[in-house]
Each structure stands twice: as structure tokens, then as C-alpha cells.
Amino acid sequence: TQRYGGRALNGEALQDSTLLLLSRPAVTALAR
């Protein structure tokens, strides 16, 4: 819960939305 913003943080879509989900392991490995 600390890593992802704490218990008080929430996120919602205000409109119908489209996201391009990225690979966390792939981006982390590339960044290193």
C-alpha cells in the first residue's frame, strides 16, 4: 500500500477510457 500510493489514494475513470498497459518487468529491465 505504501508502494502504490497509500490507503487514501484512489483512481477512477471519469470518462470511458482506453489505456495501453505496459510491461512492468520489461520497462524496469530496460531502465536498468
PDB file of all heavy atoms in Angstrom:
ATOM      1  N   THR A   1       0.829  -1.209   0.000  1.00  0.00           N
ATOM      2  CA  THR A   1       0.000   0.000   0.000  1.00  0.00           C
ATOM      3  C   THR A   1       0.859   1.252   0.000  1.00  0.00           C
ATOM      4  O   THR A   1       0.447   2.284  -0.511  1.00  0.00           O
ATOM      5  CB  THR A   1      -0.928   0.023   1.230  1.00  0.00           C
ATOM      6  OG1 THR A   1      -0.161  -0.176   2.407  1.00  0.00           O
ATOM      7  CG2 THR A   1      -1.978  -1.056   1.112  1.00  0.00           C
ATOM      8  N   GLN A   2       2.068   1.203   0.571  1.00  0.00           N
ATOM      9  CA  GLN A   2       2.970   2.343   0.510  1.00  0.00           C
ATOM     10  C   GLN A   2       3.537   2.501  -0.889  1.00  0.00           C
ATOM     11  O   GLN A   2       3.670   3.594  -1.414  1.00  0.00           O
ATOM     12  CB  GLN A   2       4.100   2.182   1.524  1.00  0.00           C
ATOM     13  CG  GLN A   2       3.654   2.258   2.974  1.00  0.00           C
ATOM     14  CD  GLN A   2       4.810   2.113   3.932  1.00  0.00           C
ATOM     15  OE1 GLN A   2       5.973   2.133   3.542  1.00  0.00           O
ATOM     16  NE2 GLN A   2       4.495   1.954   5.208  1.00  0.00           N
ATOM     17  N   ARG A   3       3.856   1.385  -1.528  1.00  0.00           N
ATOM     18  CA  ARG A   3       4.444   1.443  -2.857  1.00  0.00           C
ATOM     19  C   ARG A   3       3.476   2.025  -3.877  1.00  0.00           C
ATOM     20  O   ARG A   3       3.872   2.677  -4.816  1.00  0.00           O
ATOM     21  CB  ARG A   3       4.881   0.042  -3.302  1.00  0.00           C
ATOM     22  CG  ARG A   3       5.987  -0.560  -2.444  1.00  0.00           C
ATOM     23  CD  ARG A   3       6.732  -1.624  -3.208  1.00  0.00           C
ATOM     24  NE  ARG A   3       5.888  -2.727  -3.645  1.00  0.00           N
ATOM     25  CZ  ARG A   3       5.620  -3.805  -2.916  1.00  0.00           C
ATOM     26  NH1 ARG A   3       6.115  -3.894  -1.686  1.00  0.00           N
ATOM     27  NH2 ARG A   3       4.876  -4.777  -3.385  1.00  0.00           N
ATOM     28  N   TYR A   4       2.190   1.789  -3.687  1.00  0.00           N
ATOM     29  CA  TYR A   4       1.229   2.216  -4.690  1.00  0.00           C
ATOM     30  C   TYR A   4       0.410   3.419  -4.271  1.00  0.00           C
ATOM     31  O   TYR A   4      -0.650   3.663  -4.821  1.00  0.00           O
ATOM     32  CB  TYR A   4       0.328   1.037  -5.067  1.00  0.00           C
ATOM     33  CG  TYR A   4       1.098  -0.053  -5.753  1.00  0.00           C
ATOM     34  CD1 TYR A   4       1.328  -1.257  -5.118  1.00  0.00           C
ATOM     35  CD2 TYR A   4       1.621   0.151  -7.017  1.00  0.00           C
ATOM     36  CE1 TYR A   4       2.060  -2.257  -5.745  1.00  0.00           C
ATOM     37  CE2 TYR A   4       2.357  -0.833  -7.650  1.00  0.00           C
ATOM     38  CZ  TYR A   4       2.574  -2.033  -7.016  1.00  0.00           C
ATOM     39  OH  TYR A   4       3.303  -3.009  -7.628  1.00  0.00           O
ATOM     40  N   GLY A   5       0.878   4.175  -3.292  1.00  0.00           N
ATOM     41  CA  GLY A   5       0.240   5.452  -3.014  1.00  0.00           C
ATOM     42  C   GLY A   5      -0.450   5.568  -1.682  1.00  0.00           C
ATOM     43  O   GLY A   5      -0.964   6.619  -1.345  1.00  0.00           O
ATOM     44  N   GLY A   6      -0.493   4.511  -0.885  1.00  0.00           N
ATOM     45  CA  GLY A   6      -1.123   4.613   0.416  1.00  0.00           C
ATOM     46  C   GLY A   6      -2.596   4.281   0.386  1.00  0.00           C
ATOM     47  O   GLY A   6      -3.231   4.225  -0.663  1.00  0.00           O
ATOM     48  N   ARG A   7      -3.157   4.057   1.549  1.00  0.00           N
ATOM     49  CA  ARG A   7      -4.553   3.628   1.646  1.00  0.00           C
ATOM     50  C   ARG A   7      -5.541   4.708   1.243  1.00  0.00           C
ATOM     51  O   ARG A   7      -6.689   4.412   0.929  1.00  0.00           O
ATOM     52  CB  ARG A   7      -4.847   3.172   3.081  1.00  0.00           C
ATOM     53  CG  ARG A   7      -4.050   1.952   3.495  1.00  0.00           C
ATOM     54  CD  ARG A   7      -4.385   1.521   4.913  1.00  0.00           C
ATOM     55  NE  ARG A   7      -3.555   0.402   5.331  1.00  0.00           N
ATOM     56  CZ  ARG A   7      -3.818  -0.873   5.048  1.00  0.00           C
ATOM     57  NH1 ARG A   7      -4.891  -1.168   4.351  1.00  0.00           N
ATOM     58  NH2 ARG A   7      -3.020  -1.824   5.459  1.00  0.00           N
ATOM     59  N   ALA A   8      -5.125   5.963   1.273  1.00  0.00           N
ATOM     60  CA  ALA A   8      -6.063   7.051   0.983  1.00  0.00           C
ATOM     61  C   ALA A   8      -6.201   7.326  -0.514  1.00  0.00           C
ATOM     62  O   ALA A   8      -7.134   7.992  -0.932  1.00  0.00           O
ATOM     63  CB  ALA A   8      -5.611   8.330   1.686  1.00  0.00           C
ATOM     64  N   LEU A   9      -5.291   6.828  -1.337  1.00  0.00           N
ATOM     65  CA  LEU A   9      -5.291   7.171  -2.752  1.00  0.00           C
ATOM     66  C   LEU A   9      -6.187   6.241  -3.559  1.00  0.00           C
ATOM     67  O   LEU A   9      -6.128   5.017  -3.410  1.00  0.00           O
ATOM     68  CB  LEU A   9      -3.873   7.114  -3.317  1.00  0.00           C
ATOM     69  CG  LEU A   9      -3.726   7.513  -4.787  1.00  0.00           C
ATOM     70  CD1 LEU A   9      -4.053   8.988  -4.967  1.00  0.00           C
ATOM     71  CD2 LEU A   9      -2.328   7.211  -5.297  1.00  0.00           C
ATOM     72  N   ASN A  10      -7.021   6.835  -4.407  1.00  0.00           N
ATOM     73  CA  ASN A  10      -7.897   6.075  -5.295  1.00  0.00           C
ATOM     74  C   ASN A  10      -7.792   6.640  -6.699  1.00  0.00           C
ATOM     75  O   ASN A  10      -7.421   7.792  -6.903  1.00  0.00           O
ATOM     76  CB  ASN A  10      -9.351   6.157  -4.830  1.00  0.00           C
ATOM     77  CG  ASN A  10      -9.559   5.524  -3.471  1.00  0.00           C
ATOM     78  OD1 ASN A  10      -9.807   4.339  -3.348  1.00  0.00           O
ATOM     79  ND2 ASN A  10      -9.450   6.338  -2.413  1.00  0.00           N
ATOM     80  N   GLY A  11      -8.157   5.824  -7.677  1.00  0.00           N
ATOM     81  CA  GLY A  11      -8.165   6.280  -9.062  1.00  0.00           C
ATOM     82  C   GLY A  11      -9.379   5.742  -9.779  1.00  0.00           C
ATOM     83  O   GLY A  11      -9.763   4.585  -9.586  1.00  0.00           O
ATOM     84  N   GLU A  12     -10.010   6.584 -10.600  1.00  0.00           N
ATOM     85  CA  GLU A  12     -11.196   6.175 -11.329  1.00  0.00           C
ATOM     86  C   GLU A  12     -11.195   6.795 -12.715  1.00  0.00           C
ATOM     87  O   GLU A  12     -10.483   7.769 -12.979  1.00  0.00           O
ATOM     88  CB  GLU A  12     -12.463   6.606 -10.593  1.00  0.00           C
ATOM     89  CG  GLU A  12     -12.633   8.116 -10.514  1.00  0.00           C
ATOM     90  CD  GLU A  12     -13.928   8.517  -9.849  1.00  0.00           C
ATOM     91  OE1 GLU A  12     -14.781   7.643  -9.623  1.00  0.00           O
ATOM     92  OE2 GLU A  12     -14.091   9.720  -9.556  1.00  0.00           O
ATOM     93  N   ALA A  13     -11.985   6.214 -13.606  1.00  0.00           N
ATOM     94  CA  ALA A  13     -12.171   6.777 -14.937  1.00  0.00           C
ATOM     95  C   ALA A  13     -13.361   7.725 -14.909  1.00  0.00           C
ATOM     96  O   ALA A  13     -14.459   7.327 -14.525  1.00  0.00           O
ATOM     97  CB  ALA A  13     -12.401   5.664 -15.956  1.00  0.00           C
ATOM     98  N   LEU A  14     -13.146   8.976 -15.289  1.00  0.00           N
ATOM     99  CA  LEU A  14     -14.241   9.934 -15.373  1.00  0.00           C
ATOM    100  C   LEU A  14     -15.010   9.771 -16.677  1.00  0.00           C
ATOM    101  O   LEU A  14     -16.181  10.136 -16.762  1.00  0.00           O
ATOM    102  CB  LEU A  14     -13.700  11.364 -15.274  1.00  0.00           C
ATOM    103  CG  LEU A  14     -13.153  11.795 -13.918  1.00  0.00           C
ATOM    104  CD1 LEU A  14     -12.668  13.229 -13.986  1.00  0.00           C
ATOM    105  CD2 LEU A  14     -14.191  11.648 -12.821  1.00  0.00           C
ATOM    106  N   GLN A  15     -14.338   9.269 -17.686  1.00  0.00           N
ATOM    107  CA  GLN A  15     -14.955   9.002 -18.985  1.00  0.00           C
ATOM    108  C   GLN A  15     -14.564   7.592 -19.420  1.00  0.00           C
ATOM    109  O   GLN A  15     -13.616   7.009 -18.886  1.00  0.00           O
ATOM    110  CB  GLN A  15     -14.453  10.008 -20.035  1.00  0.00           C
ATOM    111  CG  GLN A  15     -14.656  11.463 -19.679  1.00  0.00           C
ATOM    112  CD  GLN A  15     -13.876  12.375 -20.612  1.00  0.00           C
ATOM    113  OE1 GLN A  15     -13.170  11.937 -21.511  1.00  0.00           O
ATOM    114  NE2 GLN A  15     -14.010  13.668 -20.381  1.00  0.00           N
ATOM    115  N   ASP A  16     -15.304   7.035 -20.381  1.00  0.00           N
ATOM    116  CA  ASP A  16     -14.850   5.788 -20.991  1.00  0.00           C
ATOM    117  C   ASP A  16     -13.441   6.024 -21.520  1.00  0.00           C
ATOM    118  O   ASP A  16     -13.210   6.966 -22.297  1.00  0.00           O
ATOM    119  CB  ASP A  16     -15.776   5.371 -22.133  1.00  0.00           C
ATOM    120  CG  ASP A  16     -17.149   4.928 -21.630  1.00  0.00           C
ATOM    121  OD1 ASP A  16     -17.263   4.596 -20.432  1.00  0.00           O
ATOM    122  OD2 ASP A  16     -18.092   4.918 -22.436  1.00  0.00           O
ATOM    123  N   SER A  17     -12.498   5.202 -21.090  1.00  0.00           N
ATOM    124  CA  SER A  17     -11.095   5.456 -21.392  1.00  0.00           C
ATOM    125  C   SER A  17     -10.422   4.220 -21.970  1.00  0.00           C
ATOM    126  O   SER A  17     -10.833   3.091 -21.700  1.00  0.00           O
ATOM    127  CB  SER A  17     -10.346   5.909 -20.124  1.00  0.00           C
ATOM    128  OG  SER A  17     -10.952   7.053 -19.557  1.00  0.00           O
ATOM    129  N   THR A  18      -9.389   4.465 -22.752  1.00  0.00           N
ATOM    130  CA  THR A  18      -8.563   3.395 -23.302  1.00  0.00           C
ATOM    131  C   THR A  18      -7.140   3.583 -22.816  1.00  0.00           C
ATOM    132  O   THR A  18      -6.596   4.688 -22.881  1.00  0.00           O
ATOM    133  CB  THR A  18      -8.590   3.411 -24.841  1.00  0.00           C
ATOM    134  OG1 THR A  18      -9.938   3.289 -25.294  1.00  0.00           O
ATOM    135  CG2 THR A  18      -7.771   2.264 -25.406  1.00  0.00           C
ATOM    136  N   LEU A  19      -6.553   2.511 -22.299  1.00  0.00           N
ATOM    137  CA  LEU A  19      -5.182   2.549 -21.812  1.00  0.00           C
ATOM    138  C   LEU A  19      -4.341   1.519 -22.546  1.00  0.00           C
ATOM    139  O   LEU A  19      -4.828   0.451 -22.922  1.00  0.00           O
ATOM    140  CB  LEU A  19      -5.113   2.262 -20.312  1.00  0.00           C
ATOM    141  CG  LEU A  19      -5.638   3.335 -19.369  1.00  0.00           C
ATOM    142  CD1 LEU A  19      -7.123   3.193 -19.158  1.00  0.00           C
ATOM    143  CD2 LEU A  19      -4.915   3.240 -18.029  1.00  0.00           C
ATOM    144  N   LEU A  20      -3.082   1.855 -22.736  1.00  0.00           N
ATOM    145  CA  LEU A  20      -2.110   0.923 -23.276  1.00  0.00           C
ATOM    146  C   LEU A  20      -1.246   0.484 -22.100  1.00  0.00           C
ATOM    147  O   LEU A  20      -0.391   1.236 -21.628  1.00  0.00           O
ATOM    148  CB  LEU A  20      -1.266   1.604 -24.350  1.00  0.00           C
ATOM    149  CG  LEU A  20      -0.500   0.708 -25.326  1.00  0.00           C
ATOM    150  CD1 LEU A  20      -1.464  -0.179 -26.108  1.00  0.00           C
ATOM    151  CD2 LEU A  20       0.337   1.553 -26.274  1.00  0.00           C
ATOM    152  N   LEU A  21      -1.521  -0.719 -21.580  1.00  0.00           N
ATOM    153  CA  LEU A  21      -0.800  -1.213 -20.412  1.00  0.00           C
ATOM    154  C   LEU A  21       0.586  -1.682 -20.823  1.00  0.00           C
ATOM    155  O   LEU A  21       0.740  -2.463 -21.770  1.00  0.00           O
ATOM    156  CB  LEU A  21      -1.578  -2.356 -19.767  1.00  0.00           C
ATOM    157  CG  LEU A  21      -2.998  -2.022 -19.281  1.00  0.00           C
ATOM    158  CD1 LEU A  21      -3.616  -3.234 -18.596  1.00  0.00           C
ATOM    159  CD2 LEU A  21      -2.973  -0.827 -18.330  1.00  0.00           C
ATOM    160  N   LEU A  22       1.594  -1.213 -20.097  1.00  0.00           N
ATOM    161  CA  LEU A  22       2.978  -1.553 -20.391  1.00  0.00           C
ATOM    162  C   LEU A  22       3.467  -2.640 -19.444  1.00  0.00           C
ATOM    163  O   LEU A  22       2.983  -2.766 -18.317  1.00  0.00           O
ATOM    164  CB  LEU A  22       3.863  -0.306 -20.260  1.00  0.00           C
ATOM    165  CG  LEU A  22       3.425   0.912 -21.082  1.00  0.00           C
ATOM    166  CD1 LEU A  22       4.365   2.082 -20.831  1.00  0.00           C
ATOM    167  CD2 LEU A  22       3.385   0.582 -22.567  1.00  0.00           C
ATOM    168  N   SER A  23       4.442  -3.399 -19.898  1.00  0.00           N
ATOM    169  CA  SER A  23       5.009  -4.478 -19.083  1.00  0.00           C
ATOM    170  C   SER A  23       5.923  -3.888 -18.019  1.00  0.00           C
ATOM    171  O   SER A  23       6.969  -3.293 -18.344  1.00  0.00           O
ATOM    172  CB  SER A  23       5.776  -5.453 -19.962  1.00  0.00           C
ATOM    173  OG  SER A  23       6.551  -6.329 -19.169  1.00  0.00           O
ATOM    174  N   ARG A  24       5.560  -4.040 -16.755  1.00  0.00           N
ATOM    175  CA  ARG A  24       6.379  -3.500 -15.675  1.00  0.00           C
ATOM    176  C   ARG A  24       7.770  -4.143 -15.660  1.00  0.00           C
ATOM    177  O   ARG A  24       8.777  -3.433 -15.584  1.00  0.00           O
ATOM    178  CB  ARG A  24       5.668  -3.706 -14.332  1.00  0.00           C
ATOM    179  CG  ARG A  24       4.241  -3.185 -14.309  1.00  0.00           C
ATOM    180  CD  ARG A  24       3.546  -3.500 -12.986  1.00  0.00           C
ATOM    181  NE  ARG A  24       3.962  -2.569 -11.958  1.00  0.00           N
ATOM    182  CZ  ARG A  24       3.326  -1.427 -11.710  1.00  0.00           C
ATOM    183  NH1 ARG A  24       2.273  -1.093 -12.421  1.00  0.00           N
ATOM    184  NH2 ARG A  24       3.740  -0.633 -10.755  1.00  0.00           N
ATOM    185  N   PRO A  25       7.870  -5.482 -15.727  1.00  0.00           N
ATOM    186  CA  PRO A  25       9.210  -6.095 -15.719  1.00  0.00           C
ATOM    187  C   PRO A  25      10.066  -5.660 -16.907  1.00  0.00           C
ATOM    188  O   PRO A  25      11.267  -5.404 -16.748  1.00  0.00           O
ATOM    189  CB  PRO A  25       8.907  -7.597 -15.773  1.00  0.00           C
ATOM    190  CG  PRO A  25       7.528  -7.727 -15.245  1.00  0.00           C
ATOM    191  CD  PRO A  25       6.802  -6.496 -15.696  1.00  0.00           C
ATOM    192  N   ALA A  26       9.449  -5.550 -18.092  1.00  0.00           N
ATOM    193  CA  ALA A  26      10.216  -5.178 -19.276  1.00  0.00           C
ATOM    194  C   ALA A  26      10.749  -3.757 -19.169  1.00  0.00           C
ATOM    195  O   ALA A  26      11.927  -3.492 -19.473  1.00  0.00           O
ATOM    196  CB  ALA A  26       9.349  -5.332 -20.525  1.00  0.00           C
ATOM    197  N   VAL A  27       9.890  -2.812 -18.739  1.00  0.00           N
ATOM    198  CA  VAL A  27      10.327  -1.423 -18.620  1.00  0.00           C
ATOM    199  C   VAL A  27      11.370  -1.275 -17.518  1.00  0.00           C
ATOM    200  O   VAL A  27      12.355  -0.543 -17.673  1.00  0.00           O
ATOM    201  CB  VAL A  27       9.116  -0.507 -18.363  1.00  0.00           C
ATOM    202  CG1 VAL A  27       9.570   0.924 -18.077  1.00  0.00           C
ATOM    203  CG2 VAL A  27       8.174  -0.526 -19.563  1.00  0.00           C
ATOM    204  N   THR A  28      11.191  -1.985 -16.408  1.00  0.00           N
ATOM    205  CA  THR A  28      12.182  -1.931 -15.322  1.00  0.00           C
ATOM    206  C   THR A  28      13.525  -2.443 -15.787  1.00  0.00           C
ATOM    207  O   THR A  28      14.582  -1.833 -15.512  1.00  0.00           O
ATOM    208  CB  THR A  28      11.693  -2.758 -14.121  1.00  0.00           C
ATOM    209  OG1 THR A  28      10.455  -2.222 -13.649  1.00  0.00           O
ATOM    210  CG2 THR A  28      12.708  -2.717 -12.992  1.00  0.00           C
ATOM    211  N   ALA A  29      13.538  -3.552 -16.505  1.00  0.00           N
ATOM    212  CA  ALA A  29      14.792  -4.122 -17.004  1.00  0.00           C
ATOM    213  C   ALA A  29      15.464  -3.173 -17.993  1.00  0.00           C
ATOM    214  O   ALA A  29      16.691  -2.980 -17.950  1.00  0.00           O
ATOM    215  CB  ALA A  29      14.518  -5.476 -17.659  1.00  0.00           C
ATOM    216  N   LEU A  30      14.672  -2.566 -18.875  1.00  0.00           N
ATOM    217  CA  LEU A  30      15.236  -1.616 -19.832  1.00  0.00           C
ATOM    218  C   LEU A  30      15.809  -0.393 -19.134  1.00  0.00           C
ATOM    219  O   LEU A  30      16.876   0.115 -19.508  1.00  0.00           O
ATOM    220  CB  LEU A  30      14.159  -1.188 -20.829  1.00  0.00           C
ATOM    221  CG  LEU A  30      13.804  -2.174 -21.945  1.00  0.00           C
ATOM    222  CD1 LEU A  30      12.541  -1.725 -22.672  1.00  0.00           C
ATOM    223  CD2 LEU A  30      14.967  -2.286 -22.924  1.00  0.00           C
ATOM    224  N   ALA A  31      15.107   0.101 -18.119  1.00  0.00           N
ATOM    225  CA  ALA A  31      15.565   1.295 -17.405  1.00  0.00           C
ATOM    226  C   ALA A  31      16.888   1.048 -16.697  1.00  0.00           C
ATOM    227  O   ALA A  31      17.699   1.965 -16.540  1.00  0.00           O
ATOM    228  CB  ALA A  31      14.505   1.741 -16.405  1.00  0.00           C
ATOM    229  N   ARG A  32      17.117  -0.196 -16.272  1.00  0.00           N
ATOM    230  CA  ARG A  32      18.381  -0.515 -15.608  1.00  0.00           C
ATOM    231  C   ARG A  32      19.553  -0.591 -16.584  1.00  0.00           C
ATOM    232  O   ARG A  32      20.708  -0.443 -16.193  1.00  0.00           O
ATOM    233  CB  ARG A  32      18.240  -1.838 -14.851  1.00  0.00           C
ATOM    234  CG  ARG A  32      17.367  -1.729 -13.601  1.00  0.00           C
ATOM    235  CD  ARG A  32      17.077  -3.079 -12.988  1.00  0.00           C
ATOM    236  NE  ARG A  32      16.354  -2.925 -11.726  1.00  0.00           N
ATOM    237  CZ  ARG A  32      15.744  -3.914 -11.107  1.00  0.00           C
ATOM    238  NH1 ARG A  32      15.756  -5.141 -11.636  1.00  0.00           N
ATOM    239  NH2 ARG A  32      15.105  -3.699  -9.961  1.00  0.00           N
TER     240      ARG A  32
END
